[in-house]
Amino acid sequence: MPVSKRINSSKGDKLPNLEKYIEPFSGIQYSYFQTMFENKVELPILEEYCLLFNLSLNELASLPKYVFKKKITEVIIPMEQIASNMGFQKGWEFNIRT
């Protein structure tokens, strides 16, 4: 998700605290997907959602928000664990004083 240069620099190569950020992140992803789908925007990114979820565009668009968010979480949690196993530090949080 795009963030300011300052936030990205403060994060470095640390993994965000998923307990804090996964809920808003998955909600933003749901809203983005629904907006693009409803406006019939044909972006390659929508195909990426299909690959991620292994569903068609129409199937994805019909998912309730809680199911969409659950599916994103089910993909991200194992990816975070893999990155952690590779040595990336978990638990980064943005600090306004940084």
PDB file of N, CA and C in Angstrom:
ATOM      1  N   MET A   1       0.854  -1.155   0.000  1.00  0.00           N
ATOM      2  CA  MET A   1       0.000   0.000   0.000  1.00  0.00           C
ATOM      3  C   MET A   1       0.906   1.225   0.000  1.00  0.00           C
ATOM      4  N   PRO A   2       0.648   2.198  -0.855  1.00  0.00           N
ATOM      5  CA  PRO A   2       1.502   3.391  -0.914  1.00  0.00           C
ATOM      6  C   PRO A   2       1.486   4.168   0.403  1.00  0.00           C
ATOM      7  N   VAL A   3       2.662   4.578   0.815  1.00  0.00           N
ATOM      8  CA  VAL A   3       2.809   5.406   2.007  1.00  0.00           C
ATOM      9  C   VAL A   3       3.831   6.488   1.708  1.00  0.00           C
ATOM     10  N   SER A   4       3.875   7.481   2.573  1.00  0.00           N
ATOM     11  CA  SER A   4       4.833   8.569   2.363  1.00  0.00           C
ATOM     12  C   SER A   4       6.256   8.040   2.492  1.00  0.00           C
ATOM     13  N   LYS A   5       7.182   8.773   1.893  1.00  0.00           N
ATOM     14  CA  LYS A   5       8.598   8.394   1.938  1.00  0.00           C
ATOM     15  C   LYS A   5       9.086   8.331   3.383  1.00  0.00           C
ATOM     16  N   ARG A   6       8.631   9.255   4.207  1.00  0.00           N
ATOM     17  CA  ARG A   6       9.038   9.302   5.611  1.00  0.00           C
ATOM     18  C   ARG A   6       8.618   8.029   6.353  1.00  0.00           C
ATOM     19  N   ILE A   7       7.378   7.606   6.140  1.00  0.00           N
ATOM     20  CA  ILE A   7       6.899   6.388   6.800  1.00  0.00           C
ATOM     21  C   ILE A   7       7.664   5.184   6.283  1.00  0.00           C
ATOM     22  N   ASN A   8       7.819   5.093   4.970  1.00  0.00           N
ATOM     23  CA  ASN A   8       8.521   3.960   4.385  1.00  0.00           C
ATOM     24  C   ASN A   8       9.964   3.886   4.884  1.00  0.00           C
ATOM     25  N   SER A   9      10.611   5.031   4.992  1.00  0.00           N
ATOM     26  CA  SER A   9      11.994   5.053   5.486  1.00  0.00           C
ATOM     27  C   SER A   9      12.067   4.612   6.942  1.00  0.00           C
ATOM     28  N   SER A  10      11.088   5.013   7.739  1.00  0.00           N
ATOM     29  CA  SER A  10      11.115   4.625   9.153  1.00  0.00           C
ATOM     30  C   SER A  10      10.884   3.128   9.309  1.00  0.00           C
ATOM     31  N   LYS A  11      10.163   2.525   8.377  1.00  0.00           N
ATOM     32  CA  LYS A  11       9.887   1.092   8.427  1.00  0.00           C
ATOM     33  C   LYS A  11      11.119   0.295   8.039  1.00  0.00           C
ATOM     34  N   GLY A  12      11.865   0.799   7.060  1.00  0.00           N
ATOM     35  CA  GLY A  12      13.041   0.072   6.603  1.00  0.00           C
ATOM     36  C   GLY A  12      12.653  -1.310   6.095  1.00  0.00           C
ATOM     37  N   ASP A  13      13.354  -2.336   6.553  1.00  0.00           N
ATOM     38  CA  ASP A  13      13.037  -3.693   6.108  1.00  0.00           C
ATOM     39  C   ASP A  13      12.318  -4.484   7.204  1.00  0.00           C
ATOM     40  N   LYS A  14      11.702  -3.775   8.139  1.00  0.00           N
ATOM     41  CA  LYS A  14      10.942  -4.427   9.199  1.00  0.00           C
ATOM     42  C   LYS A  14       9.526  -4.755   8.701  1.00  0.00           C
ATOM     43  N   LEU A  15       8.942  -5.778   9.290  1.00  0.00           N
ATOM     44  CA  LEU A  15       7.583  -6.188   8.941  1.00  0.00           C
ATOM     45  C   LEU A  15       6.591  -5.455   9.841  1.00  0.00           C
ATOM     46  N   PRO A  16       5.504  -4.940   9.263  1.00  0.00           N
ATOM     47  CA  PRO A  16       4.535  -4.218  10.090  1.00  0.00           C
ATOM     48  C   PRO A  16       3.842  -5.132  11.094  1.00  0.00           C
ATOM     49  N   ASN A  17       3.402  -4.545  12.172  1.00  0.00           N
ATOM     50  CA  ASN A  17       2.640  -5.249  13.196  1.00  0.00           C
ATOM     51  C   ASN A  17       1.282  -5.618  12.601  1.00  0.00           C
ATOM     52  N   LEU A  18       1.114  -6.871  12.251  1.00  0.00           N
ATOM     53  CA  LEU A  18      -0.123  -7.284  11.585  1.00  0.00           C
ATOM     54  C   LEU A  18      -1.335  -7.191  12.500  1.00  0.00           C
ATOM     55  N   GLU A  19      -1.141  -7.371  13.799  1.00  0.00           N
ATOM     56  CA  GLU A  19      -2.280  -7.240  14.709  1.00  0.00           C
ATOM     57  C   GLU A  19      -2.884  -5.839  14.612  1.00  0.00           C
ATOM     58  N   LYS A  20      -2.051  -4.859  14.356  1.00  0.00           N
ATOM     59  CA  LYS A  20      -2.511  -3.468  14.272  1.00  0.00           C
ATOM     60  C   LYS A  20      -2.950  -3.089  12.850  1.00  0.00           C
ATOM     61  N   TYR A  21      -2.234  -3.582  11.837  1.00  0.00           N
ATOM     62  CA  TYR A  21      -2.425  -3.069  10.491  1.00  0.00           C
ATOM     63  C   TYR A  21      -3.205  -3.964   9.529  1.00  0.00           C
ATOM     64  N   ILE A  22      -3.387  -5.246   9.821  1.00  0.00           N
ATOM     65  CA  ILE A  22      -4.032  -6.124   8.845  1.00  0.00           C
ATOM     66  C   ILE A  22      -5.496  -5.752   8.629  1.00  0.00           C
ATOM     67  N   GLU A  23      -6.183  -5.361   9.677  1.00  0.00           N
ATOM     68  CA  GLU A  23      -7.605  -5.009   9.556  1.00  0.00           C
ATOM     69  C   GLU A  23      -7.807  -3.799   8.635  1.00  0.00           C
ATOM     70  N   PRO A  24      -7.139  -2.667   8.897  1.00  0.00           N
ATOM     71  CA  PRO A  24      -7.333  -1.539   7.983  1.00  0.00           C
ATOM     72  C   PRO A  24      -6.805  -1.830   6.574  1.00  0.00           C
ATOM     73  N   PHE A  25      -5.694  -2.551   6.473  1.00  0.00           N
ATOM     74  CA  PHE A  25      -5.145  -2.885   5.162  1.00  0.00           C
ATOM     75  C   PHE A  25      -6.132  -3.710   4.344  1.00  0.00           C
ATOM     76  N   SER A  26      -6.695  -4.746   4.945  1.00  0.00           N
ATOM     77  CA  SER A  26      -7.614  -5.605   4.201  1.00  0.00           C
ATOM     78  C   SER A  26      -8.899  -4.854   3.847  1.00  0.00           C
ATOM     79  N   GLY A  27      -9.327  -3.943   4.702  1.00  0.00           N
ATOM     80  CA  GLY A  27     -10.508  -3.126   4.388  1.00  0.00           C
ATOM     81  C   GLY A  27     -10.264  -2.204   3.205  1.00  0.00           C
ATOM     82  N   ILE A  28      -9.072  -1.628   3.153  1.00  0.00           N
ATOM     83  CA  ILE A  28      -8.712  -0.764   2.022  1.00  0.00           C
ATOM     84  C   ILE A  28      -8.642  -1.578   0.738  1.00  0.00           C
ATOM     85  N   GLN A  29      -8.080  -2.784   0.832  1.00  0.00           N
ATOM     86  CA  GLN A  29      -8.004  -3.648  -0.343  1.00  0.00           C
ATOM     87  C   GLN A  29      -9.396  -4.004  -0.847  1.00  0.00           C
ATOM     88  N   TYR A  30     -10.307  -4.299   0.053  1.00  0.00           N
ATOM     89  CA  TYR A  30     -11.689  -4.614  -0.326  1.00  0.00           C
ATOM     90  C   TYR A  30     -12.330  -3.426  -1.033  1.00  0.00           C
ATOM     91  N   SER A  31     -12.216  -2.254  -0.445  1.00  0.00           N
ATOM     92  CA  SER A  31     -12.808  -1.044  -1.035  1.00  0.00           C
ATOM     93  C   SER A  31     -12.220  -0.752  -2.414  1.00  0.00           C
ATOM     94  N   TYR A  32     -10.905  -0.898  -2.535  1.00  0.00           N
ATOM     95  CA  TYR A  32     -10.237  -0.655  -3.815  1.00  0.00           C
ATOM     96  C   TYR A  32     -10.757  -1.627  -4.871  1.00  0.00           C
ATOM     97  N   PHE A  33     -10.779  -2.910  -4.528  1.00  0.00           N
ATOM     98  CA  PHE A  33     -11.236  -3.907  -5.488  1.00  0.00           C
ATOM     99  C   PHE A  33     -12.680  -3.611  -5.913  1.00  0.00           C
ATOM    100  N   GLN A  34     -13.550  -3.368  -4.959  1.00  0.00           N
ATOM    101  CA  GLN A  34     -14.961  -3.121  -5.283  1.00  0.00           C
ATOM    102  C   GLN A  34     -15.128  -1.876  -6.154  1.00  0.00           C
ATOM    103  N   THR A  35     -14.397  -0.825  -5.850  1.00  0.00           N
ATOM    104  CA  THR A  35     -14.483   0.410  -6.639  1.00  0.00           C
ATOM    105  C   THR A  35     -14.032   0.169  -8.076  1.00  0.00           C
ATOM    106  N   MET A  36     -12.913  -0.499  -8.246  1.00  0.00           N
ATOM    107  CA  MET A  36     -12.416  -0.782  -9.599  1.00  0.00           C
ATOM    108  C   MET A  36     -13.372  -1.702 -10.359  1.00  0.00           C
ATOM    109  N   PHE A  37     -13.897  -2.698  -9.675  1.00  0.00           N
ATOM    110  CA  PHE A  37     -14.816  -3.637 -10.320  1.00  0.00           C
ATOM    111  C   PHE A  37     -16.112  -2.935 -10.724  1.00  0.00           C
ATOM    112  N   GLU A  38     -16.695  -2.160  -9.819  1.00  0.00           N
ATOM    113  CA  GLU A  38     -17.962  -1.474 -10.081  1.00  0.00           C
ATOM    114  C   GLU A  38     -17.838  -0.445 -11.199  1.00  0.00           C
ATOM    115  N   ASN A  39     -16.665   0.157 -11.336  1.00  0.00           N
ATOM    116  CA  ASN A  39     -16.449   1.149 -12.392  1.00  0.00           C
ATOM    117  C   ASN A  39     -15.914   0.521 -13.675  1.00  0.00           C
ATOM    118  N   LYS A  40     -15.899  -0.801 -13.678  1.00  0.00           N
ATOM    119  CA  LYS A  40     -15.475  -1.566 -14.855  1.00  0.00           C
ATOM    120  C   LYS A  40     -14.093  -1.163 -15.365  1.00  0.00           C
ATOM    121  N   VAL A  41     -13.225  -0.862 -14.409  1.00  0.00           N
ATOM    122  CA  VAL A  41     -11.850  -0.533 -14.747  1.00  0.00           C
ATOM    123  C   VAL A  41     -11.112  -1.847 -14.973  1.00  0.00           C
ATOM    124  N   GLU A  42     -10.563  -2.001 -16.151  1.00  0.00           N
ATOM    125  CA  GLU A  42      -9.859  -3.239 -16.467  1.00  0.00           C
ATOM    126  C   GLU A  42      -8.368  -3.035 -16.242  1.00  0.00           C
ATOM    127  N   LEU A  43      -7.973  -3.311 -15.052  1.00  0.00           N
ATOM    128  CA  LEU A  43      -6.572  -3.174 -14.676  1.00  0.00           C
ATOM    129  C   LEU A  43      -5.965  -4.552 -14.465  1.00  0.00           C
ATOM    130  N   PRO A  44      -4.705  -4.703 -14.833  1.00  0.00           N
ATOM    131  CA  PRO A  44      -4.035  -5.983 -14.547  1.00  0.00           C
ATOM    132  C   PRO A  44      -4.078  -6.328 -13.058  1.00  0.00           C
ATOM    133  N   ILE A  45      -4.166  -5.296 -12.210  1.00  0.00           N
ATOM    134  CA  ILE A  45      -4.176  -5.562 -10.768  1.00  0.00           C
ATOM    135  C   ILE A  45      -5.393  -6.379 -10.371  1.00  0.00           C
ATOM    136  N   LEU A  46      -6.520  -6.202 -11.053  1.00  0.00           N
ATOM    137  CA  LEU A  46      -7.699  -6.998 -10.721  1.00  0.00           C
ATOM    138  C   LEU A  46      -7.449  -8.473 -11.024  1.00  0.00           C
ATOM    139  N   GLU A  47      -6.675  -8.733 -12.046  1.00  0.00           N
ATOM    140  CA  GLU A  47      -6.306 -10.114 -12.349  1.00  0.00           C
ATOM    141  C   GLU A  47      -5.427 -10.688 -11.238  1.00  0.00           C
ATOM    142  N   GLU A  48      -4.618  -9.830 -10.619  1.00  0.00           N
ATOM    143  CA  GLU A  48      -3.775 -10.283  -9.514  1.00  0.00           C
ATOM    144  C   GLU A  48      -4.628 -10.731  -8.331  1.00  0.00           C
ATOM    145  N   TYR A  49      -5.716 -10.027  -8.082  1.00  0.00           N
ATOM    146  CA  TYR A  49      -6.634 -10.452  -7.019  1.00  0.00           C
ATOM    147  C   TYR A  49      -7.208 -11.828  -7.354  1.00  0.00           C
ATOM    148  N   CYS A  50      -7.560 -12.043  -8.619  1.00  0.00           N
ATOM    149  CA  CYS A  50      -8.093 -13.342  -9.039  1.00  0.00           C
ATOM    150  C   CYS A  50      -7.078 -14.450  -8.779  1.00  0.00           C
ATOM    151  N   LEU A  51      -5.832 -14.190  -9.097  1.00  0.00           N
ATOM    152  CA  LEU A  51      -4.785 -15.182  -8.854  1.00  0.00           C
ATOM    153  C   LEU A  51      -4.578 -15.407  -7.356  1.00  0.00           C
ATOM    154  N   LEU A  52      -4.593 -14.332  -6.610  1.00  0.00           N
ATOM    155  CA  LEU A  52      -4.392 -14.415  -5.169  1.00  0.00           C
ATOM    156  C   LEU A  52      -5.470 -15.272  -4.508  1.00  0.00           C
ATOM    157  N   PHE A  53      -6.716 -15.050  -4.923  1.00  0.00           N
ATOM    158  CA  PHE A  53      -7.842 -15.748  -4.310  1.00  0.00           C
ATOM    159  C   PHE A  53      -8.247 -17.022  -5.053  1.00  0.00           C
ATOM    160  N   ASN A  54      -7.704 -17.205  -6.242  1.00  0.00           N
ATOM    161  CA  ASN A  54      -8.079 -18.336  -7.088  1.00  0.00           C
ATOM    162  C   ASN A  54      -9.588 -18.331  -7.375  1.00  0.00           C
ATOM    163  N   LEU A  55     -10.091 -17.142  -7.701  1.00  0.00           N
ATOM    164  CA  LEU A  55     -11.505 -16.937  -8.015  1.00  0.00           C
ATOM    165  C   LEU A  55     -11.630 -16.037  -9.232  1.00  0.00           C
ATOM    166  N   SER A  56     -12.780 -16.099  -9.893  1.00  0.00           N
ATOM    167  CA  SER A  56     -13.043 -15.197 -11.016  1.00  0.00           C
ATOM    168  C   SER A  56     -13.365 -13.802 -10.478  1.00  0.00           C
ATOM    169  N   LEU A  57     -13.351 -12.813 -11.372  1.00  0.00           N
ATOM    170  CA  LEU A  57     -13.707 -11.445 -10.960  1.00  0.00           C
ATOM    171  C   LEU A  57     -15.105 -11.397 -10.372  1.00  0.00           C
ATOM    172  N   ASN A  58     -16.052 -12.042 -11.021  1.00  0.00           N
ATOM    173  CA  ASN A  58     -17.430 -12.025 -10.529  1.00  0.00           C
ATOM    174  C   ASN A  58     -17.558 -12.723  -9.175  1.00  0.00           C
ATOM    175  N   GLU A  59     -16.834 -13.815  -8.998  1.00  0.00           N
ATOM    176  CA  GLU A  59     -16.860 -14.498  -7.703  1.00  0.00           C
ATOM    177  C   GLU A  59     -16.271 -13.604  -6.619  1.00  0.00           C
ATOM    178  N   LEU A  60     -15.171 -12.944  -6.950  1.00  0.00           N
ATOM    179  CA  LEU A  60     -14.547 -12.033  -5.987  1.00  0.00           C
ATOM    180  C   LEU A  60     -15.475 -10.882  -5.616  1.00  0.00           C
ATOM    181  N   ALA A  61     -16.105 -10.316  -6.626  1.00  0.00           N
ATOM    182  CA  ALA A  61     -16.983  -9.167  -6.396  1.00  0.00           C
ATOM    183  C   ALA A  61     -18.181  -9.530  -5.528  1.00  0.00           C
ATOM    184  N   SER A  62     -18.553 -10.789  -5.536  1.00  0.00           N
ATOM    185  CA  SER A  62     -19.720 -11.197  -4.751  1.00  0.00           C
ATOM    186  C   SER A  62     -19.366 -11.612  -3.318  1.00  0.00           C
ATOM    187  N   LEU A  63     -18.078 -11.652  -3.006  1.00  0.00           N
ATOM    188  CA  LEU A  63     -17.684 -12.028  -1.645  1.00  0.00           C
ATOM    189  C   LEU A  63     -18.115 -10.959  -0.646  1.00  0.00           C
ATOM    190  N   PRO A  64     -18.662 -11.371   0.484  1.00  0.00           N
ATOM    191  CA  PRO A  64     -18.900 -10.386   1.549  1.00  0.00           C
ATOM    192  C   PRO A  64     -17.567  -9.830   2.037  1.00  0.00           C
ATOM    193  N   LYS A  65     -17.617  -8.623   2.555  1.00  0.00           N
ATOM    194  CA  LYS A  65     -16.392  -7.960   2.991  1.00  0.00           C
ATOM    195  C   LYS A  65     -15.607  -8.813   3.989  1.00  0.00           C
ATOM    196  N   TYR A  66     -16.284  -9.427   4.938  1.00  0.00           N
ATOM    197  CA  TYR A  66     -15.566 -10.202   5.959  1.00  0.00           C
ATOM    198  C   TYR A  66     -14.847 -11.408   5.356  1.00  0.00           C
ATOM    199  N   VAL A  67     -15.415 -12.011   4.304  1.00  0.00           N
ATOM    200  CA  VAL A  67     -14.763 -13.150   3.650  1.00  0.00           C
ATOM    201  C   VAL A  67     -13.548 -12.674   2.858  1.00  0.00           C
ATOM    202  N   PHE A  68     -13.697 -11.580   2.133  1.00  0.00           N
ATOM    203  CA  PHE A  68     -12.583 -10.995   1.374  1.00  0.00           C
ATOM    204  C   PHE A  68     -11.418 -10.708   2.320  1.00  0.00           C
ATOM    205  N   LYS A  69     -11.720 -10.045   3.434  1.00  0.00           N
ATOM    206  CA  LYS A  69     -10.680  -9.682   4.393  1.00  0.00           C
ATOM    207  C   LYS A  69     -10.033 -10.923   5.014  1.00  0.00           C
ATOM    208  N   LYS A  70     -10.843 -11.944   5.293  1.00  0.00           N
ATOM    209  CA  LYS A  70     -10.317 -13.183   5.859  1.00  0.00           C
ATOM    210  C   LYS A  70      -9.364 -13.849   4.874  1.00  0.00           C
ATOM    211  N   LYS A  71      -9.715 -13.840   3.593  1.00  0.00           N
ATOM    212  CA  LYS A  71      -8.878 -14.468   2.576  1.00  0.00           C
ATOM    213  C   LYS A  71      -7.542 -13.733   2.431  1.00  0.00           C
ATOM    214  N   ILE A  72      -7.578 -12.414   2.475  1.00  0.00           N
ATOM    215  CA  ILE A  72      -6.321 -11.653   2.411  1.00  0.00           C
ATOM    216  C   ILE A  72      -5.443 -12.003   3.617  1.00  0.00           C
ATOM    217  N   THR A  73      -6.042 -12.063   4.776  1.00  0.00           N
ATOM    218  CA  THR A  73      -5.299 -12.400   5.989  1.00  0.00           C
ATOM    219  C   THR A  73      -4.680 -13.793   5.873  1.00  0.00           C
ATOM    220  N   GLU A  74      -5.424 -14.730   5.306  1.00  0.00           N
ATOM    221  CA  GLU A  74      -4.920 -16.099   5.149  1.00  0.00           C
ATOM    222  C   GLU A  74      -3.723 -16.178   4.196  1.00  0.00           C
ATOM    223  N   VAL A  75      -3.590 -15.193   3.332  1.00  0.00           N
ATOM    224  CA  VAL A  75      -2.433 -15.146   2.426  1.00  0.00           C
ATOM    225  C   VAL A  75      -1.262 -14.429   3.095  1.00  0.00           C
ATOM    226  N   ILE A  76      -1.549 -13.336   3.777  1.00  0.00           N
ATOM    227  CA  ILE A  76      -0.489 -12.488   4.322  1.00  0.00           C
ATOM    228  C   ILE A  76       0.210 -13.111   5.531  1.00  0.00           C
ATOM    229  N   ILE A  77      -0.536 -13.757   6.405  1.00  0.00           N
ATOM    230  CA  ILE A  77       0.065 -14.328   7.624  1.00  0.00           C
ATOM    231  C   ILE A  77       1.194 -15.311   7.287  1.00  0.00           C
ATOM    232  N   PRO A  78       0.983 -16.284   6.383  1.00  0.00           N
ATOM    233  CA  PRO A  78       2.096 -17.182   6.051  1.00  0.00           C
ATOM    234  C   PRO A  78       3.271 -16.455   5.376  1.00  0.00           C
ATOM    235  N   MET A  79       2.969 -15.426   4.573  1.00  0.00           N
ATOM    236  CA  MET A  79       4.039 -14.671   3.929  1.00  0.00           C
ATOM    237  C   MET A  79       4.875 -13.937   4.980  1.00  0.00           C
ATOM    238  N   GLU A  80       4.197 -13.404   5.989  1.00  0.00           N
ATOM    239  CA  GLU A  80       4.914 -12.727   7.075  1.00  0.00           C
ATOM    240  C   GLU A  80       5.815 -13.724   7.809  1.00  0.00           C
ATOM    241  N   GLN A  81       5.307 -14.925   8.031  1.00  0.00           N
ATOM    242  CA  GLN A  81       6.103 -15.929   8.738  1.00  0.00           C
ATOM    243  C   GLN A  81       7.342 -16.318   7.929  1.00  0.00           C
ATOM    244  N   ILE A  82       7.181 -16.453   6.635  1.00  0.00           N
ATOM    245  CA  ILE A  82       8.321 -16.775   5.767  1.00  0.00           C
ATOM    246  C   ILE A  82       9.375 -15.668   5.856  1.00  0.00           C
ATOM    247  N   ALA A  83       8.908 -14.419   5.772  1.00  0.00           N
ATOM    248  CA  ALA A  83       9.843 -13.286   5.863  1.00  0.00           C
ATOM    249  C   ALA A  83      10.528 -13.255   7.224  1.00  0.00           C
ATOM    250  N   SER A  84       9.774 -13.543   8.273  1.00  0.00           N
ATOM    251  CA  SER A  84      10.344 -13.583   9.618  1.00  0.00           C
ATOM    252  C   SER A  84      11.404 -14.684   9.717  1.00  0.00           C
ATOM    253  N   ASN A  85      11.104 -15.841   9.138  1.00  0.00           N
ATOM    254  CA  ASN A  85      12.066 -16.953   9.142  1.00  0.00           C
ATOM    255  C   ASN A  85      13.346 -16.589   8.391  1.00  0.00           C
ATOM    256  N   MET A  86      13.231 -15.661   7.445  1.00  0.00           N
ATOM    257  CA  MET A  86      14.393 -15.220   6.674  1.00  0.00           C
ATOM    258  C   MET A  86      15.180 -14.130   7.404  1.00  0.00           C
ATOM    259  N   GLY A  87      14.685 -13.709   8.570  1.00  0.00           N
ATOM    260  CA  GLY A  87      15.425 -12.754   9.380  1.00  0.00           C
ATOM    261  C   GLY A  87      14.832 -11.359   9.464  1.00  0.00           C
ATOM    262  N   PHE A  88      13.710 -11.119   8.808  1.00  0.00           N
ATOM    263  CA  PHE A  88      13.086  -9.805   8.904  1.00  0.00           C
ATOM    264  C   PHE A  88      12.399  -9.672  10.253  1.00  0.00           C
ATOM    265  N   GLN A  89      12.559  -8.519  10.864  1.00  0.00           N
ATOM    266  CA  GLN A  89      12.003  -8.267  12.191  1.00  0.00           C
ATOM    267  C   GLN A  89      10.518  -7.961  12.102  1.00  0.00           C
ATOM    268  N   LYS A  90       9.717  -8.605  12.953  1.00  0.00           N
ATOM    269  CA  LYS A  90       8.267  -8.375  13.014  1.00  0.00           C
ATOM    270  C   LYS A  90       7.944  -7.225  13.968  1.00  0.00           C
ATOM    271  N   GLY A  91       6.720  -6.706  13.847  1.00  0.00           N
ATOM    272  CA  GLY A  91       6.174  -5.805  14.855  1.00  0.00           C
ATOM    273  C   GLY A  91       6.401  -4.320  14.655  1.00  0.00           C
ATOM    274  N   TRP A  92       6.856  -3.892  13.461  1.00  0.00           N
ATOM    275  CA  TRP A  92       7.079  -2.460  13.243  1.00  0.00           C
ATOM    276  C   TRP A  92       5.761  -1.698  13.360  1.00  0.00           C
ATOM    277  N   GLU A  93       5.799  -0.549  14.021  1.00  0.00           N
ATOM    278  CA  GLU A  93       4.660   0.366  14.088  1.00  0.00           C
ATOM    279  C   GLU A  93       5.135   1.775  13.802  1.00  0.00           C
ATOM    280  N   PHE A  94       4.317   2.520  13.103  1.00  0.00           N
ATOM    281  CA  PHE A  94       4.652   3.902  12.809  1.00  0.00           C
ATOM    282  C   PHE A  94       4.588   4.716  14.085  1.00  0.00           C
ATOM    283  N   ASN A  95       5.618   5.514  14.294  1.00  0.00           N
ATOM    284  CA  ASN A  95       5.686   6.402  15.443  1.00  0.00           C
ATOM    285  C   ASN A  95       5.743   7.814  14.895  1.00  0.00           C
ATOM    286  N   ILE A  96       4.774   8.618  15.213  1.00  0.00           N
ATOM    287  CA  ILE A  96       4.684   9.970  14.665  1.00  0.00           C
ATOM    288  C   ILE A  96       5.939  10.801  14.988  1.00  0.00           C
ATOM    289  N   ARG A  97       6.631  10.439  16.042  1.00  0.00           N
ATOM    290  CA  ARG A  97       7.853  11.171  16.419  1.00  0.00           C
ATOM    291  C   ARG A  97       9.063  10.741  15.582  1.00  0.00           C
ATOM    292  N   THR A  98       8.913   9.682  14.785  1.00  0.00           N
ATOM    293  CA  THR A  98      10.042   9.196  13.999  1.00  0.00           C
ATOM    294  C   THR A  98      10.274  10.078  12.804  1.00  0.00           C
TER     295      THR A  98
END
